[in-house]
Amino acid sequence: MSFAASIQAAYAHPGAGPWLRRGQHLEAQGDVASLVEAVKSYDHALALFQGDDLRMRRGRSLAWMNRGSALHRQNTAHAFADAVRSYEEAIRGLETELGDIPESFAATLAVQDGASVESGASPVSLEGGTPRYHAVAARLDTLAAEDPLFLNSLGAAWMNRGVSLQQTRDESSLTAAVASHEHALALLTRLPVDAEAAFRRNLAAAWLNLADALLDTKLPSRHERAARAAREALQHVTPLSNAHLVFADLDLKARRALVVALGEQLFAAEGGGQPARAEIASEASDVIDEGMALGRAWVKKGFQQVSALVFRLFCMGCQFYRMYQPQFLGEFIEETVGGEHSLPGIEDFRLVAQQTLAAAEAELGKPRVWCADDPQAAKRMEAIQRIRETREWLESVIKTAAPTPA
């Protein structure tokens, strides 16, 4: 039985089906009281999926997944812990169909497949060496071809477990979250993403979640690893981000993670080789500028849901250009806060721009001892002049936009 047929059978179950549907209806309402009642509905469904045949096992896994979602959305420490347990129950039920696969299979598969993921500790080889690995990989590839929805659901369960673990913010849970996202990726990377947008979305989200989790840890090389993960997310969403809002949302979030990771690398490279720093700075500026253009385009279409992400990226861009490329700060600001733009909360954008320009001018204008004909001194003076021009331009824009007193 395909996984899709199993889901239909679960909702058609005479006892458990109505409880599943009631739980989803309550969950869709979104308030805390409804989410608590949704969990109770899923508990009723779980009690009615009796037996160990395929339909019952998959029905229970579906109910555990839904239960985890309703708990996660309650946004409390206790609910997050219970959500992790719910996702683990879903995983346990689904993985019985994979046969005898060691717990460490995901990290090993990822490394041997050449993917850019790695666990916090050294990967553990699959028992039996290469032949054992090929047997596991072949089994997963067969599932990806014959029943990709099953593999997608199992990967989503690992990913959701990782997201709930991230909410506790302690180091052990964050490290476990990284491993959970890597498990998800070992499964989701095998899916035919070109054939189904939902598969591509889940894969990109898993890469993004891995990047975010890594940035919150103290794991070795976390910033480099987070940057690689964010780039992978962008690779999957960028072709669709101009046409589909869900991919635009993932695109902007991945850019935020990538800029954070690159910023940390720039900070760590202070005093190091100029070519390496210049390369990192160039990538960061491209990521920011392309993200701002994408966000502005969606806002102009009337989709103001992305405006908060655009504002966060704008703030990051202001700080980046102030610190690393002040000669381009004015141009970056003018592209976003000009009088022709109607971004929601444009006053907040302009306030950030004013503060950033003032800080940049003060930093560049600090007294220094310069040698005669120093090219850096000339560049600094040019940057100061450009920033002053932008400050004057911004002041005129703000005065023009201000309402006339009655």
Protein backbone atom coordinates (compact mmCIF):
# COMPACT_ATOMS: atom_id res chain seq x y z
CA MET A 1 0.00 0.00 0.00
CA SER A 2 1.35 3.42 -0.93
CA PHE A 3 1.80 6.00 1.81
CA ALA A 4 -0.83 8.24 0.21
CA ALA A 5 -3.34 5.37 0.35
CA SER A 6 -2.42 4.78 3.99
CA ILE A 7 -3.21 8.39 4.87
CA GLN A 8 -6.58 8.12 3.16
CA ALA A 9 -7.24 4.91 5.06
CA ALA A 10 -6.33 6.59 8.35
CA TYR A 11 -8.84 9.39 7.81
CA ALA A 12 -11.44 6.84 6.70
CA HIS A 13 -11.01 4.78 9.90
CA PRO A 14 -14.48 4.71 11.49
CA GLY A 15 -13.19 5.41 14.99
CA ALA A 16 -9.91 7.30 14.65
CA GLY A 17 -10.68 9.23 11.45
CA PRO A 18 -13.16 11.68 13.00
CA TRP A 19 -10.71 12.43 15.82
CA LEU A 20 -7.94 13.15 13.30
CA ARG A 21 -10.19 15.52 11.38
CA ARG A 22 -11.36 17.22 14.59
CA GLY A 23 -7.72 17.66 15.65
CA GLN A 24 -6.78 19.29 12.37
CA HIS A 25 -9.82 21.58 12.52
CA LEU A 26 -8.85 22.71 16.02
CA GLU A 27 -5.19 23.07 15.07
CA ALA A 28 -6.13 25.34 12.17
CA GLN A 29 -7.75 27.78 14.64
CA GLY A 30 -4.32 28.38 16.12
CA ASP A 31 -5.16 29.70 19.60
CA VAL A 32 -3.71 27.96 22.65
CA ALA A 33 -7.01 26.50 23.87
CA SER A 34 -7.72 24.99 20.44
CA LEU A 35 -4.19 23.57 20.20
CA VAL A 36 -4.57 21.90 23.61
CA GLU A 37 -7.86 20.36 22.49
CA ALA A 38 -6.24 19.26 19.21
CA VAL A 39 -3.65 17.27 21.17
CA LYS A 40 -6.47 15.54 23.06
CA SER A 41 -8.16 14.66 19.78
CA TYR A 42 -4.97 13.12 18.43
CA ASP A 43 -4.61 11.15 21.68
CA HIS A 44 -8.10 9.72 21.10
CA ALA A 45 -7.08 8.76 17.56
CA LEU A 46 -3.93 7.06 18.82
CA ALA A 47 -5.94 4.94 21.23
CA LEU A 48 -8.15 3.73 18.39
CA PHE A 49 -5.41 2.75 15.92
CA GLN A 50 -5.10 -0.76 17.38
CA GLY A 51 -3.03 -3.57 15.91
CA ASP A 52 0.37 -3.92 14.28
CA ASP A 53 -0.55 -4.18 10.61
CA LEU A 54 0.74 -1.62 8.13
CA ARG A 55 -2.40 0.54 8.14
CA MET A 56 -2.52 0.83 11.91
CA ARG A 57 1.20 1.59 12.24
CA ARG A 58 1.02 4.32 9.63
CA GLY A 59 -2.18 5.69 11.16
CA ARG A 60 -0.45 5.97 14.53
CA SER A 61 2.58 7.64 12.93
CA LEU A 62 0.31 10.19 11.26
CA ALA A 63 -1.43 10.92 14.56
CA TRP A 64 1.92 11.28 16.35
CA MET A 65 3.12 13.71 13.67
CA ASN A 66 -0.03 15.83 13.97
CA ARG A 67 0.23 15.72 17.76
CA GLY A 68 3.82 16.99 17.56
CA SER A 69 2.73 19.87 15.32
CA ALA A 70 -0.06 20.96 17.70
CA LEU A 71 2.32 20.80 20.65
CA HIS A 72 5.10 22.73 18.91
CA ARG A 73 2.72 25.56 18.11
CA GLN A 74 1.84 25.97 21.81
CA ASN A 75 5.30 27.52 22.21
CA THR A 76 6.13 26.43 25.76
CA ALA A 77 9.11 24.49 27.09
CA HIS A 78 6.91 21.60 28.23
CA ALA A 79 5.08 21.47 24.89
CA PHE A 80 8.36 21.49 22.93
CA ALA A 81 9.64 18.52 24.96
CA ASP A 82 6.38 16.61 24.37
CA ALA A 83 6.55 17.50 20.66
CA VAL A 84 10.02 15.94 20.44
CA ARG A 85 8.64 12.77 22.01
CA SER A 86 5.71 12.75 19.58
CA TYR A 87 7.98 13.05 16.55
CA GLU A 88 10.21 10.30 17.93
CA GLU A 89 7.18 8.00 18.19
CA ALA A 90 6.27 8.81 14.58
CA ILE A 91 9.84 8.09 13.49
CA ARG A 92 9.92 4.84 15.42
CA GLY A 93 6.74 3.65 13.74
CA LEU A 94 7.85 4.56 10.24
CA GLU A 95 11.38 3.21 10.58
CA THR A 96 10.07 -0.26 11.36
CA GLU A 97 9.44 -0.45 7.62
CA LEU A 98 13.10 0.15 6.82
CA GLY A 99 14.30 -3.03 8.47
CA ASP A 100 17.57 -3.33 10.36
CA ILE A 101 19.27 0.05 9.87
CA PRO A 102 21.73 1.35 12.49
CA GLU A 103 20.83 4.57 14.26
CA SER A 104 23.93 6.28 12.87
CA PHE A 105 22.99 5.58 9.26
CA ALA A 106 22.11 9.17 8.34
CA ALA A 107 25.45 10.81 9.04
CA THR A 108 27.27 7.94 7.36
CA LEU A 109 25.05 8.07 4.29
CA ALA A 110 25.52 11.82 4.03
CA VAL A 111 29.30 11.57 4.20
CA GLN A 112 29.59 8.68 1.77
CA ASP A 113 27.20 10.37 -0.66
CA GLY A 114 29.46 13.41 -0.68
CA ALA A 115 26.81 15.72 0.79
CA SER A 116 28.02 18.78 2.66
CA VAL A 117 26.64 17.70 6.03
CA GLU A 118 28.50 16.26 8.93
CA SER A 119 27.60 15.35 12.47
CA GLY A 120 29.02 17.05 15.52
CA ALA A 121 31.13 13.99 16.25
CA SER A 122 33.04 11.80 13.84
CA PRO A 123 30.68 9.72 11.69
CA VAL A 124 30.29 6.10 12.71
CA SER A 125 30.77 3.61 9.90
CA LEU A 126 27.92 1.27 9.15
CA GLU A 127 28.51 -2.20 10.50
CA GLY A 128 29.85 -4.40 7.75
CA GLY A 129 31.56 -1.62 5.80
CA THR A 130 30.85 -0.61 2.24
CA PRO A 131 28.55 -3.52 1.29
CA ARG A 132 26.34 -2.72 4.31
CA TYR A 133 26.25 0.93 3.30
CA HIS A 134 25.24 0.09 -0.26
CA ALA A 135 22.44 -2.15 1.01
CA VAL A 136 21.00 0.67 3.12
CA ALA A 137 21.41 3.27 0.37
CA ALA A 138 19.78 0.99 -2.18
CA ARG A 139 16.80 0.42 0.11
CA LEU A 140 16.28 4.17 0.55
CA ASP A 141 16.71 4.84 -3.16
CA THR A 142 14.08 2.19 -3.92
CA LEU A 143 11.69 3.90 -1.53
CA ALA A 144 12.44 7.28 -3.14
CA ALA A 145 11.49 5.84 -6.52
CA GLU A 146 8.51 3.67 -5.51
CA ASP A 147 6.94 5.59 -2.59
CA PRO A 148 8.60 9.00 -2.24
CA LEU A 149 5.80 10.30 0.00
CA PHE A 150 6.83 7.77 2.66
CA LEU A 151 10.45 8.94 2.56
CA ASN A 152 9.32 12.58 2.58
CA SER A 153 7.16 11.99 5.66
CA LEU A 154 9.97 10.23 7.53
CA GLY A 155 12.37 13.02 6.61
CA ALA A 156 9.83 15.63 7.73
CA ALA A 157 9.48 13.87 11.09
CA TRP A 158 13.26 14.06 11.64
CA MET A 159 13.26 17.71 10.57
CA ASN A 160 10.34 18.64 12.84
CA ARG A 161 12.01 16.87 15.75
CA GLY A 162 15.08 19.01 15.13
CA VAL A 163 13.05 22.23 15.01
CA SER A 164 11.41 21.44 18.36
CA LEU A 165 14.81 20.60 19.87
CA GLN A 166 16.14 23.98 18.71
CA GLN A 167 13.61 25.82 20.85
CA THR A 168 15.18 24.77 24.16
CA ARG A 169 18.40 26.64 23.26
CA ASP A 170 20.70 24.58 25.47
CA GLU A 171 23.85 23.22 23.85
CA SER A 172 22.99 19.51 24.11
CA SER A 173 19.56 20.00 22.53
CA LEU A 174 21.01 22.19 19.78
CA THR A 175 23.65 19.56 18.98
CA ALA A 176 20.90 16.93 18.89
CA ALA A 177 18.92 19.22 16.58
CA VAL A 178 21.86 19.39 14.16
CA ALA A 179 22.02 15.59 14.07
CA SER A 180 18.24 15.40 13.57
CA HIS A 181 18.37 17.73 10.57
CA GLU A 182 21.22 15.67 9.13
CA HIS A 183 19.05 12.56 9.48
CA ALA A 184 16.32 14.41 7.60
CA LEU A 185 18.71 15.41 4.84
CA ALA A 186 19.99 11.87 4.39
CA LEU A 187 16.42 10.98 3.45
CA LEU A 188 15.15 14.11 1.72
CA THR A 189 18.16 14.47 -0.59
CA ARG A 190 17.06 11.23 -2.29
CA LEU A 191 13.64 12.56 -3.31
CA PRO A 192 12.74 13.58 -6.88
CA VAL A 193 12.54 17.30 -6.09
CA ASP A 194 11.96 18.27 -9.72
CA ALA A 195 8.80 16.17 -9.79
CA GLU A 196 7.13 17.53 -6.66
CA ALA A 197 7.34 21.06 -5.21
CA ALA A 198 6.58 19.80 -1.69
CA PHE A 199 9.69 17.62 -1.78
CA ARG A 200 11.83 20.57 -2.86
CA ARG A 201 10.30 22.74 -0.13
CA ASN A 202 11.01 20.20 2.61
CA LEU A 203 14.57 19.65 1.39
CA ALA A 204 15.29 23.39 1.32
CA ALA A 205 13.71 23.82 4.75
CA ALA A 206 15.89 21.04 6.17
CA TRP A 207 19.04 22.74 4.85
CA LEU A 208 17.85 26.07 6.28
CA ASN A 209 17.03 24.54 9.67
CA LEU A 210 20.45 22.92 9.75
CA ALA A 211 22.07 26.29 9.10
CA ASP A 212 20.06 27.98 11.84
CA ALA A 213 20.77 25.22 14.34
CA LEU A 214 24.50 25.29 13.61
CA LEU A 215 24.65 29.05 14.13
CA ASP A 216 23.25 28.60 17.64
CA THR A 217 25.76 25.92 18.66
CA LYS A 218 29.39 25.98 19.71
CA LEU A 219 30.32 23.13 17.36
CA PRO A 220 33.64 23.29 15.49
CA SER A 221 33.54 25.07 12.10
CA ARG A 222 29.88 25.91 12.71
CA HIS A 223 29.96 29.10 10.66
CA GLU A 224 31.52 27.47 7.62
CA ARG A 225 29.09 24.55 7.90
CA ALA A 226 26.13 26.89 8.35
CA ALA A 227 27.17 28.86 5.25
CA ARG A 228 27.33 25.66 3.20
CA ALA A 229 23.89 24.60 4.42
CA ALA A 230 22.37 28.01 3.66
CA ARG A 231 23.87 27.92 0.15
CA GLU A 232 22.30 24.49 -0.40
CA ALA A 233 18.91 25.88 0.66
CA LEU A 234 19.28 28.79 -1.74
CA GLN A 235 20.28 26.49 -4.58
CA HIS A 236 16.92 24.71 -4.26
CA VAL A 237 14.64 27.71 -3.76
CA THR A 238 16.14 30.49 -5.90
CA PRO A 239 14.83 29.14 -9.24
CA LEU A 240 11.27 29.38 -7.85
CA SER A 241 11.49 32.31 -5.44
CA ASN A 242 10.30 34.91 -7.95
CA ALA A 243 7.16 32.94 -8.77
CA HIS A 244 6.08 31.28 -5.51
CA LEU A 245 5.72 33.05 -2.17
CA VAL A 246 6.61 29.98 -0.09
CA PHE A 247 9.95 29.71 -1.87
CA ALA A 248 10.53 33.46 -1.58
CA ASP A 249 10.03 33.14 2.18
CA LEU A 250 12.60 30.33 2.37
CA ASP A 251 14.93 32.29 0.09
CA LEU A 252 14.95 35.36 2.35
CA LYS A 253 15.40 33.26 5.49
CA ALA A 254 18.30 31.35 3.93
CA ARG A 255 19.94 34.64 2.95
CA ARG A 256 19.64 35.87 6.52
CA ALA A 257 21.36 32.72 7.79
CA LEU A 258 24.06 32.94 5.13
CA VAL A 259 24.80 36.60 5.90
CA VAL A 260 25.10 35.80 9.63
CA ALA A 261 27.50 32.94 8.86
CA LEU A 262 29.57 35.04 6.45
CA GLY A 263 29.65 37.93 8.92
CA GLU A 264 31.09 35.65 11.58
CA GLN A 265 33.69 34.42 9.10
CA LEU A 266 34.62 38.02 8.28
CA PHE A 267 34.97 38.85 11.95
CA ALA A 268 37.16 35.79 12.50
CA ALA A 269 39.30 36.76 9.48
CA GLU A 270 40.15 40.23 10.86
CA GLY A 271 43.86 40.74 10.37
CA GLY A 272 44.04 37.81 7.97
CA GLY A 273 44.58 37.67 4.23
CA GLN A 274 42.87 40.46 2.33
CA PRO A 275 41.90 38.32 -0.71
CA ALA A 276 39.99 35.83 1.48
CA ARG A 277 38.15 38.60 3.31
CA ALA A 278 37.34 40.36 0.06
CA GLU A 279 35.85 37.17 -1.36
CA ILE A 280 33.64 36.65 1.70
CA ALA A 281 32.55 40.30 1.67
CA SER A 282 31.72 40.13 -2.04
CA GLU A 283 29.53 37.07 -1.53
CA ALA A 284 27.75 38.68 1.43
CA SER A 285 26.99 41.87 -0.52
CA ASP A 286 25.57 39.86 -3.43
CA VAL A 287 23.41 37.79 -1.08
CA ILE A 288 22.05 40.93 0.60
CA ASP A 289 21.41 42.90 -2.59
CA GLU A 290 19.68 40.02 -4.37
CA GLY A 291 17.54 39.35 -1.30
CA MET A 292 16.49 42.98 -1.01
CA ALA A 293 15.52 43.06 -4.69
CA LEU A 294 13.48 39.87 -4.24
CA GLY A 295 11.74 41.19 -1.13
CA ARG A 296 10.89 44.56 -2.67
CA ALA A 297 9.44 42.82 -5.73
CA TRP A 298 7.09 40.71 -3.60
CA VAL A 299 6.00 43.69 -1.49
CA LYS A 300 5.23 45.66 -4.66
CA LYS A 301 3.01 42.76 -5.76
CA GLY A 302 0.99 43.28 -2.59
CA PHE A 303 2.41 40.41 -0.55
CA GLN A 304 3.38 42.26 2.59
CA GLN A 305 3.94 39.03 4.54
CA VAL A 306 7.62 39.21 3.63
CA SER A 307 8.09 42.79 4.85
CA ALA A 308 9.43 41.70 8.25
CA LEU A 309 12.06 39.53 6.55
CA VAL A 310 12.95 42.41 4.22
CA PHE A 311 13.40 44.74 7.19
CA ARG A 312 15.68 42.27 8.99
CA LEU A 313 17.77 41.81 5.86
CA PHE A 314 17.93 45.59 5.40
CA CYS A 315 19.22 46.04 8.96
CA MET A 316 21.85 43.37 8.37
CA GLY A 317 22.80 45.00 5.08
CA CYS A 318 23.23 48.40 6.73
CA GLN A 319 25.57 46.95 9.33
CA PHE A 320 27.50 44.94 6.76
CA TYR A 321 28.09 47.89 4.43
CA ARG A 322 28.95 50.18 7.35
CA MET A 323 31.61 47.80 8.60
CA TYR A 324 33.05 46.33 5.41
CA GLN A 325 32.06 48.37 2.36
CA PRO A 326 31.14 51.91 3.53
CA GLN A 327 31.73 53.28 0.04
CA PHE A 328 28.59 51.43 -1.09
CA LEU A 329 26.42 52.14 1.98
CA GLY A 330 24.70 55.16 0.42
CA GLU A 331 23.77 53.28 -2.74
CA PHE A 332 22.36 50.38 -0.72
CA ILE A 333 20.20 52.70 1.37
CA GLU A 334 18.94 54.76 -1.56
CA GLU A 335 17.77 51.63 -3.39
CA THR A 336 15.44 50.79 -0.51
CA VAL A 337 14.22 53.95 1.17
CA GLY A 338 13.77 56.29 -1.78
CA GLY A 339 10.59 58.33 -2.00
CA GLU A 340 9.12 56.07 -4.70
CA HIS A 341 9.09 53.05 -2.39
CA SER A 342 6.05 52.18 -0.29
CA LEU A 343 7.38 49.39 1.91
CA PRO A 344 5.34 48.76 5.06
CA GLY A 345 6.98 50.53 7.98
CA ILE A 346 9.17 52.63 5.68
CA GLU A 347 9.69 55.05 8.58
CA ASP A 348 11.53 52.28 10.46
CA PHE A 349 13.73 51.65 7.42
CA ARG A 350 14.59 55.33 7.23
CA LEU A 351 15.33 55.56 10.96
CA VAL A 352 17.77 52.64 10.69
CA ALA A 353 19.31 54.28 7.63
CA GLN A 354 19.78 57.59 9.48
CA GLN A 355 21.44 55.88 12.45
CA THR A 356 23.70 53.78 10.24
CA LEU A 357 24.84 56.72 8.12
CA ALA A 358 25.62 58.78 11.22
CA ALA A 359 27.61 55.93 12.75
CA ALA A 360 29.50 55.30 9.50
CA GLU A 361 30.45 58.97 9.12
CA ALA A 362 31.64 59.14 12.73
CA GLU A 363 33.78 56.01 12.32
CA LEU A 364 35.33 57.13 9.05
CA GLY A 365 35.97 60.61 10.39
CA LYS A 366 37.97 59.54 13.44
CA PRO A 367 41.39 61.25 13.55
CA ARG A 368 44.12 59.14 11.97
CA VAL A 369 47.75 59.58 11.00
CA TRP A 370 48.09 59.23 7.24
CA CYS A 371 51.17 59.15 5.04
CA ALA A 372 51.37 61.54 2.11
CA ASP A 373 49.57 60.33 -1.01
CA ASP A 374 48.06 57.37 0.87
CA PRO A 375 45.43 55.83 -1.44
CA GLN A 376 43.45 54.56 1.56
CA ALA A 377 43.09 58.11 2.85
CA ALA A 378 41.66 59.22 -0.48
CA LYS A 379 39.20 56.31 -0.52
CA ARG A 380 38.14 57.12 3.02
CA MET A 381 37.47 60.75 2.14
CA GLU A 382 35.46 59.69 -0.90
CA ALA A 383 33.38 57.35 1.29
CA ILE A 384 32.76 60.13 3.83
CA GLN A 385 31.63 62.49 1.07
CA ARG A 386 29.30 59.87 -0.38
CA ILE A 387 27.78 59.17 3.04
CA ARG A 388 27.23 62.89 3.66
CA GLU A 389 25.46 63.21 0.34
CA THR A 390 23.20 60.29 1.22
CA ARG A 391 22.44 61.79 4.65
CA GLU A 392 21.38 65.05 3.01
CA TRP A 393 19.33 63.20 0.42
CA LEU A 394 17.61 61.11 3.13
CA GLU A 395 16.77 64.20 5.18
CA SER A 396 15.07 65.74 2.14
CA VAL A 397 13.13 62.50 1.49
CA ILE A 398 11.91 62.40 5.10
CA LYS A 399 10.86 66.09 5.01
CA THR A 400 8.98 65.55 1.77
CA ALA A 401 7.20 62.49 3.17
CA ALA A 402 6.26 64.19 6.45
CA PRO A 403 2.60 65.25 6.73
CA THR A 404 1.90 68.96 6.49
CA PRO A 405 0.84 70.42 9.89
CA ALA A 406 -2.81 71.46 10.07
